[in-house]
Amino acid sequence: KGAEWSAQVEGQKFLYNNLDKAIQKSIDSNSKNAQAIGLTSQQYKNGATDISTYYKNMGLTSEATAELSGKTMDLVADLGAVKDVPFDEALGDFKSALMGNYEAVDKYGISLSASTLENSEFVKSLGQSWNQLSDNEKMMAAYNEITRQGASAQGLAKQEAESFGMKFKLLKQQISETVGEIGSNLLPVLEPLIQKFSEVATKVSEWVS
């Protein structure tokens, strides 16, 4: 648990440090209210950092990335609440759909296809056919259509965050993170001990052979 936690946190920090200050400020600010949508602060930071990095790599400005990542976190939490899907899984599905794997959001009642997107209001406003769009424009078309179709779920995560079931899930996540954090602090002590056990086990194996 300690090793997993350490790797997860360090991975998030590495990506976070490569984001612009405006994006970092938005993530930090929003993460303080993460429990309102049923997430721990670290869960929020992990998810927001991941999706912000994707938006940034797609060429969005810092301002657009900061705004869109915050909206995405709320949207994904709502979609996950509809089908009782863990947030991390729902975010993975959402990101996959943005990348063109439209079937990834089928289980949330979202129906995407190139045909659906080409006839969407967003694409029509661009005045181009689907094949003429850039990857960035196709991504935004998928985002806008998921948002439109998922409008009925808006606010569901905040509503369910107050329920016993969601509070219990949040508590389990908080306990898991606490165990991981304690474990990561013990790693410097445990690693030499594990190494000694490994050396002894190797010697015993050689002796038996």
C-alpha atoms as a PDB file:
ATOM      1  CA  LYS A   1       0.000   0.000   0.000  1.00  0.00           C
ATOM      2  CA  GLY A   2       2.811   2.364   0.858  1.00  0.00           C
ATOM      3  CA  ALA A   3       4.606   1.723  -2.423  1.00  0.00           C
ATOM      4  CA  GLU A   4       1.390   2.160  -4.431  1.00  0.00           C
ATOM      5  CA  TRP A   5       0.510   5.365  -2.607  1.00  0.00           C
ATOM      6  CA  SER A   6       3.991   6.810  -3.041  1.00  0.00           C
ATOM      7  CA  ALA A   7       4.023   6.031  -6.775  1.00  0.00           C
ATOM      8  CA  GLN A   8       0.544   7.513  -7.232  1.00  0.00           C
ATOM      9  CA  VAL A   9       1.336  10.746  -5.404  1.00  0.00           C
ATOM     10  CA  GLU A  10       4.714  11.197  -7.068  1.00  0.00           C
ATOM     11  CA  GLY A  11       3.165  10.583 -10.481  1.00  0.00           C
ATOM     12  CA  GLN A  12       0.507  13.204  -9.815  1.00  0.00           C
ATOM     13  CA  LYS A  13       3.090  15.713  -8.580  1.00  0.00           C
ATOM     14  CA  PHE A  14       5.280  15.195 -11.652  1.00  0.00           C
ATOM     15  CA  LEU A  15       2.402  15.936 -14.050  1.00  0.00           C
ATOM     16  CA  TYR A  16       1.130  18.755 -11.833  1.00  0.00           C
ATOM     17  CA  ASN A  17       4.511  20.502 -11.851  1.00  0.00           C
ATOM     18  CA  ASN A  18       4.446  20.557 -15.658  1.00  0.00           C
ATOM     19  CA  LEU A  19       1.149  22.464 -15.716  1.00  0.00           C
ATOM     20  CA  ASP A  20       0.893  26.236 -15.829  1.00  0.00           C
ATOM     21  CA  LYS A  21       0.375  28.156 -12.591  1.00  0.00           C
ATOM     22  CA  ALA A  22      -3.196  29.109 -13.526  1.00  0.00           C
ATOM     23  CA  ILE A  23      -4.126  25.442 -13.950  1.00  0.00           C
ATOM     24  CA  GLN A  24      -2.389  24.457 -10.707  1.00  0.00           C
ATOM     25  CA  LYS A  25      -4.258  27.198  -8.834  1.00  0.00           C
ATOM     26  CA  SER A  26      -7.578  25.956 -10.206  1.00  0.00           C
ATOM     27  CA  ILE A  27      -6.838  22.349  -9.218  1.00  0.00           C
ATOM     28  CA  ASP A  28      -5.774  23.356  -5.705  1.00  0.00           C
ATOM     29  CA  SER A  29      -8.818  25.549  -5.207  1.00  0.00           C
ATOM     30  CA  ASN A  30     -11.319  22.970  -6.467  1.00  0.00           C
ATOM     31  CA  SER A  31      -9.711  20.088  -4.565  1.00  0.00           C
ATOM     32  CA  LYS A  32     -10.582  21.800  -1.264  1.00  0.00           C
ATOM     33  CA  ASN A  33     -14.263  21.198  -2.050  1.00  0.00           C
ATOM     34  CA  ALA A  34     -13.796  17.692  -3.454  1.00  0.00           C
ATOM     35  CA  GLN A  35     -15.975  16.070  -0.792  1.00  0.00           C
ATOM     36  CA  ALA A  36     -18.950  17.945  -2.224  1.00  0.00           C
ATOM     37  CA  ILE A  37     -18.876  15.500  -5.162  1.00  0.00           C
ATOM     38  CA  GLY A  38     -17.836  12.479  -3.101  1.00  0.00           C
ATOM     39  CA  LEU A  39     -14.068  12.598  -3.633  1.00  0.00           C
ATOM     40  CA  THR A  40     -11.057  13.020  -1.386  1.00  0.00           C
ATOM     41  CA  SER A  41      -8.724  15.921  -2.057  1.00  0.00           C
ATOM     42  CA  GLN A  42      -6.060  13.561  -3.410  1.00  0.00           C
ATOM     43  CA  GLN A  43      -8.565  11.797  -5.670  1.00  0.00           C
ATOM     44  CA  TYR A  44      -9.573  15.162  -7.083  1.00  0.00           C
ATOM     45  CA  LYS A  45      -5.968  16.236  -7.615  1.00  0.00           C
ATOM     46  CA  ASN A  46      -5.150  12.960  -9.367  1.00  0.00           C
ATOM     47  CA  GLY A  47      -8.113  13.199 -11.718  1.00  0.00           C
ATOM     48  CA  ALA A  48      -7.871  16.925 -12.411  1.00  0.00           C
ATOM     49  CA  THR A  49      -4.135  16.720 -13.035  1.00  0.00           C
ATOM     50  CA  ASP A  50      -4.602  13.829 -15.459  1.00  0.00           C
ATOM     51  CA  ILE A  51      -7.385  15.444 -17.502  1.00  0.00           C
ATOM     52  CA  SER A  52      -5.703  18.877 -17.402  1.00  0.00           C
ATOM     53  CA  THR A  53      -2.531  17.331 -18.809  1.00  0.00           C
ATOM     54  CA  TYR A  54      -4.577  15.799 -21.626  1.00  0.00           C
ATOM     55  CA  TYR A  55      -6.305  19.092 -22.446  1.00  0.00           C
ATOM     56  CA  LYS A  56      -2.990  20.937 -22.337  1.00  0.00           C
ATOM     57  CA  ASN A  57      -1.387  18.401 -24.686  1.00  0.00           C
ATOM     58  CA  MET A  58      -4.322  18.865 -27.057  1.00  0.00           C
ATOM     59  CA  GLY A  59      -3.308  22.506 -27.373  1.00  0.00           C
ATOM     60  CA  LEU A  60      -5.877  24.246 -25.157  1.00  0.00           C
ATOM     61  CA  THR A  61      -4.837  27.484 -23.476  1.00  0.00           C
ATOM     62  CA  SER A  62      -4.171  27.579 -19.742  1.00  0.00           C
ATOM     63  CA  GLU A  63      -7.420  29.429 -19.100  1.00  0.00           C
ATOM     64  CA  ALA A  64      -9.468  27.001 -21.207  1.00  0.00           C
ATOM     65  CA  THR A  65      -7.755  23.997 -19.598  1.00  0.00           C
ATOM     66  CA  ALA A  66      -8.405  25.257 -16.062  1.00  0.00           C
ATOM     67  CA  GLU A  67     -12.067  25.934 -16.796  1.00  0.00           C
ATOM     68  CA  LEU A  68     -12.686  22.723 -18.743  1.00  0.00           C
ATOM     69  CA  SER A  69     -10.937  20.445 -16.233  1.00  0.00           C
ATOM     70  CA  GLY A  70     -13.122  21.753 -13.392  1.00  0.00           C
ATOM     71  CA  LYS A  71     -16.280  21.206 -15.422  1.00  0.00           C
ATOM     72  CA  THR A  72     -15.062  17.764 -16.463  1.00  0.00           C
ATOM     73  CA  MET A  73     -14.533  16.641 -12.885  1.00  0.00           C
ATOM     74  CA  ASP A  74     -18.120  17.599 -11.987  1.00  0.00           C
ATOM     75  CA  LEU A  75     -19.510  16.004 -15.152  1.00  0.00           C
ATOM     76  CA  VAL A  76     -17.630  12.733 -14.652  1.00  0.00           C
ATOM     77  CA  ALA A  77     -18.673  12.556 -10.988  1.00  0.00           C
ATOM     78  CA  ASP A  78     -22.300  12.979 -12.085  1.00  0.00           C
ATOM     79  CA  LEU A  79     -22.031  10.312 -14.798  1.00  0.00           C
ATOM     80  CA  GLY A  80     -20.379   7.903 -12.365  1.00  0.00           C
ATOM     81  CA  ALA A  81     -23.158   8.503  -9.856  1.00  0.00           C
ATOM     82  CA  VAL A  82     -25.796   7.597 -12.453  1.00  0.00           C
ATOM     83  CA  LYS A  83     -24.462   4.057 -12.894  1.00  0.00           C
ATOM     84  CA  ASP A  84     -22.611   3.705  -9.562  1.00  0.00           C
ATOM     85  CA  VAL A  85     -19.255   3.521 -11.356  1.00  0.00           C
ATOM     86  CA  PRO A  86     -16.074   4.400  -9.384  1.00  0.00           C
ATOM     87  CA  PHE A  87     -14.841   7.872 -10.266  1.00  0.00           C
ATOM     88  CA  ASP A  88     -11.442   6.774 -11.578  1.00  0.00           C
ATOM     89  CA  GLU A  89     -13.108   4.303 -13.946  1.00  0.00           C
ATOM     90  CA  ALA A  90     -15.634   6.901 -15.100  1.00  0.00           C
ATOM     91  CA  LEU A  91     -12.855   9.421 -15.787  1.00  0.00           C
ATOM     92  CA  GLY A  92     -10.970   6.806 -17.811  1.00  0.00           C
ATOM     93  CA  ASP A  93     -14.089   6.109 -19.866  1.00  0.00           C
ATOM     94  CA  PHE A  94     -14.704   9.822 -20.415  1.00  0.00           C
ATOM     95  CA  LYS A  95     -11.134  10.447 -21.544  1.00  0.00           C
ATOM     96  CA  SER A  96     -11.285   7.416 -23.832  1.00  0.00           C
ATOM     97  CA  ALA A  97     -14.427   8.829 -25.477  1.00  0.00           C
ATOM     98  CA  LEU A  98     -12.695  12.167 -26.046  1.00  0.00           C
ATOM     99  CA  MET A  99      -9.931  10.251 -27.826  1.00  0.00           C
ATOM    100  CA  GLY A 100     -12.422   8.619 -30.211  1.00  0.00           C
ATOM    101  CA  ASN A 101     -13.455   5.441 -28.405  1.00  0.00           C
ATOM    102  CA  TYR A 102     -17.098   6.501 -28.297  1.00  0.00           C
ATOM    103  CA  GLU A 103     -18.383   3.134 -27.019  1.00  0.00           C
ATOM    104  CA  ALA A 104     -16.615   3.834 -23.707  1.00  0.00           C
ATOM    105  CA  VAL A 105     -19.512   6.008 -22.536  1.00  0.00           C
ATOM    106  CA  ASP A 106     -22.325   3.699 -23.672  1.00  0.00           C
ATOM    107  CA  LYS A 107     -22.831   2.406 -20.132  1.00  0.00           C
ATOM    108  CA  TYR A 108     -23.676   5.915 -18.923  1.00  0.00           C
ATOM    109  CA  GLY A 109     -26.519   6.198 -21.407  1.00  0.00           C
ATOM    110  CA  ILE A 110     -24.447   8.413 -23.716  1.00  0.00           C
ATOM    111  CA  SER A 111     -24.736   7.583 -27.409  1.00  0.00           C
ATOM    112  CA  LEU A 112     -21.835   8.896 -29.494  1.00  0.00           C
ATOM    113  CA  SER A 113     -20.853   8.251 -33.096  1.00  0.00           C
ATOM    114  CA  ALA A 114     -19.209  10.236 -35.868  1.00  0.00           C
ATOM    115  CA  SER A 115     -22.656  10.695 -37.402  1.00  0.00           C
ATOM    116  CA  THR A 116     -24.173  11.955 -34.144  1.00  0.00           C
ATOM    117  CA  LEU A 117     -21.309  14.344 -33.599  1.00  0.00           C
ATOM    118  CA  GLU A 118     -21.329  15.642 -37.174  1.00  0.00           C
ATOM    119  CA  ASN A 119     -24.974  16.604 -36.759  1.00  0.00           C
ATOM    120  CA  SER A 120     -24.439  18.188 -33.357  1.00  0.00           C
ATOM    121  CA  GLU A 121     -24.963  21.900 -32.819  1.00  0.00           C
ATOM    122  CA  PHE A 122     -21.292  22.371 -31.969  1.00  0.00           C
ATOM    123  CA  VAL A 123     -20.029  20.908 -35.254  1.00  0.00           C
ATOM    124  CA  LYS A 124     -22.685  22.727 -37.275  1.00  0.00           C
ATOM    125  CA  SER A 125     -21.504  25.985 -35.716  1.00  0.00           C
ATOM    126  CA  LEU A 126     -18.022  25.309 -37.129  1.00  0.00           C
ATOM    127  CA  GLY A 127     -19.390  25.105 -40.663  1.00  0.00           C
ATOM    128  CA  GLN A 128     -17.270  22.083 -41.587  1.00  0.00           C
ATOM    129  CA  SER A 129     -17.829  18.389 -42.209  1.00  0.00           C
ATOM    130  CA  TRP A 130     -16.607  15.858 -39.630  1.00  0.00           C
ATOM    131  CA  ASN A 131     -13.631  14.814 -41.781  1.00  0.00           C
ATOM    132  CA  GLN A 132     -12.486  18.409 -42.045  1.00  0.00           C
ATOM    133  CA  LEU A 133     -12.239  18.917 -38.298  1.00  0.00           C
ATOM    134  CA  SER A 134      -8.976  18.911 -36.383  1.00  0.00           C
ATOM    135  CA  ASP A 135      -8.389  16.431 -33.553  1.00  0.00           C
ATOM    136  CA  ASN A 136      -8.937  19.273 -31.087  1.00  0.00           C
ATOM    137  CA  GLU A 137     -12.293  20.160 -32.655  1.00  0.00           C
ATOM    138  CA  LYS A 138     -13.389  16.513 -32.660  1.00  0.00           C
ATOM    139  CA  MET A 139     -12.464  16.278 -28.993  1.00  0.00           C
ATOM    140  CA  MET A 140     -14.507  19.380 -28.183  1.00  0.00           C
ATOM    141  CA  ALA A 141     -17.422  18.017 -30.219  1.00  0.00           C
ATOM    142  CA  ALA A 142     -17.370  14.839 -28.113  1.00  0.00           C
ATOM    143  CA  TYR A 143     -17.101  16.863 -24.891  1.00  0.00           C
ATOM    144  CA  ASN A 144     -20.039  19.091 -25.786  1.00  0.00           C
ATOM    145  CA  GLU A 145     -22.223  16.156 -26.852  1.00  0.00           C
ATOM    146  CA  ILE A 146     -21.473  14.196 -23.667  1.00  0.00           C
ATOM    147  CA  THR A 147     -22.333  17.311 -21.676  1.00  0.00           C
ATOM    148  CA  ARG A 148     -25.596  17.740 -23.594  1.00  0.00           C
ATOM    149  CA  GLN A 149     -26.679  14.126 -23.234  1.00  0.00           C
ATOM    150  CA  GLY A 150     -25.573  13.977 -19.607  1.00  0.00           C
ATOM    151  CA  ALA A 151     -27.462  17.137 -18.610  1.00  0.00           C
ATOM    152  CA  SER A 152     -30.123  15.132 -16.783  1.00  0.00           C
ATOM    153  CA  ALA A 153     -27.468  13.856 -14.363  1.00  0.00           C
ATOM    154  CA  GLN A 154     -26.172  17.318 -13.504  1.00  0.00           C
ATOM    155  CA  GLY A 155     -25.797  17.774  -9.756  1.00  0.00           C
ATOM    156  CA  LEU A 156     -26.387  14.102  -8.951  1.00  0.00           C
ATOM    157  CA  ALA A 157     -22.926  13.612  -7.418  1.00  0.00           C
ATOM    158  CA  LYS A 158     -23.464  16.523  -5.007  1.00  0.00           C
ATOM    159  CA  GLN A 159     -26.895  15.189  -4.128  1.00  0.00           C
ATOM    160  CA  GLU A 160     -25.640  11.663  -3.454  1.00  0.00           C
ATOM    161  CA  ALA A 161     -22.557  12.890  -1.576  1.00  0.00           C
ATOM    162  CA  GLU A 162     -24.802  13.421   1.430  1.00  0.00           C
ATOM    163  CA  SER A 163     -26.179   9.874   1.352  1.00  0.00           C
ATOM    164  CA  PHE A 164     -24.934   7.180   3.726  1.00  0.00           C
ATOM    165  CA  GLY A 165     -23.655   5.015   0.878  1.00  0.00           C
ATOM    166  CA  MET A 166     -21.474   7.751  -0.623  1.00  0.00           C
ATOM    167  CA  LYS A 167     -20.208   8.862   2.777  1.00  0.00           C
ATOM    168  CA  PHE A 168     -19.222   5.280   3.512  1.00  0.00           C
ATOM    169  CA  LYS A 169     -17.368   4.991   0.173  1.00  0.00           C
ATOM    170  CA  LEU A 170     -15.578   8.242   0.914  1.00  0.00           C
ATOM    171  CA  LEU A 171     -14.604   6.975   4.364  1.00  0.00           C
ATOM    172  CA  LYS A 172     -13.178   3.768   2.855  1.00  0.00           C
ATOM    173  CA  GLN A 173     -11.153   5.844   0.391  1.00  0.00           C
ATOM    174  CA  GLN A 174      -9.878   8.085   3.175  1.00  0.00           C
ATOM    175  CA  ILE A 175      -8.834   5.051   5.241  1.00  0.00           C
ATOM    176  CA  SER A 176      -7.107   3.516   2.220  1.00  0.00           C
ATOM    177  CA  GLU A 177      -5.195   6.741   1.590  1.00  0.00           C
ATOM    178  CA  THR A 178      -4.221   7.003   5.264  1.00  0.00           C
ATOM    179  CA  VAL A 179      -2.901   3.428   5.212  1.00  0.00           C
ATOM    180  CA  GLY A 180      -0.977   4.226   2.037  1.00  0.00           C
ATOM    181  CA  GLU A 181       0.498   7.384   3.507  1.00  0.00           C
ATOM    182  CA  ILE A 182       1.593   5.585   6.683  1.00  0.00           C
ATOM    183  CA  GLY A 183       3.050   2.804   4.581  1.00  0.00           C
ATOM    184  CA  SER A 184       5.002   5.230   2.398  1.00  0.00           C
ATOM    185  CA  ASN A 185       6.524   6.787   5.522  1.00  0.00           C
ATOM    186  CA  LEU A 186       7.594   3.305   6.666  1.00  0.00           C
ATOM    187  CA  LEU A 187       9.249   2.407   3.349  1.00  0.00           C
ATOM    188  CA  PRO A 188      12.721   3.736   4.326  1.00  0.00           C
ATOM    189  CA  VAL A 189      12.601   1.456   7.380  1.00  0.00           C
ATOM    190  CA  LEU A 190      11.113  -1.586   5.663  1.00  0.00           C
ATOM    191  CA  GLU A 191      13.181  -1.598   2.460  1.00  0.00           C
ATOM    192  CA  PRO A 192      16.492  -2.587   4.130  1.00  0.00           C
ATOM    193  CA  LEU A 193      14.635  -5.281   6.103  1.00  0.00           C
ATOM    194  CA  ILE A 194      13.020  -6.653   2.922  1.00  0.00           C
ATOM    195  CA  GLN A 195      16.440  -6.661   1.247  1.00  0.00           C
ATOM    196  CA  LYS A 196      17.864  -8.707   4.136  1.00  0.00           C
ATOM    197  CA  PHE A 197      15.001 -11.205   3.897  1.00  0.00           C
ATOM    198  CA  SER A 198      15.623 -11.481   0.163  1.00  0.00           C
ATOM    199  CA  GLU A 199      19.335 -12.167   0.680  1.00  0.00           C
ATOM    200  CA  VAL A 200      18.615 -14.805   3.307  1.00  0.00           C
ATOM    201  CA  ALA A 201      15.978 -16.445   1.099  1.00  0.00           C
ATOM    202  CA  THR A 202      18.462 -16.554  -1.801  1.00  0.00           C
ATOM    203  CA  LYS A 203      21.143 -18.169   0.355  1.00  0.00           C
ATOM    204  CA  VAL A 204      18.678 -20.751   1.710  1.00  0.00           C
ATOM    205  CA  SER A 205      17.567 -21.524  -1.851  1.00  0.00           C
ATOM    206  CA  GLU A 206      21.183 -21.996  -2.944  1.00  0.00           C
ATOM    207  CA  TRP A 207      21.893 -24.213   0.072  1.00  0.00           C
ATOM    208  CA  VAL A 208      18.841 -26.388  -0.593  1.00  0.00           C
ATOM    209  CA  SER A 209      19.844 -26.739  -4.247  1.00  0.00           C
END
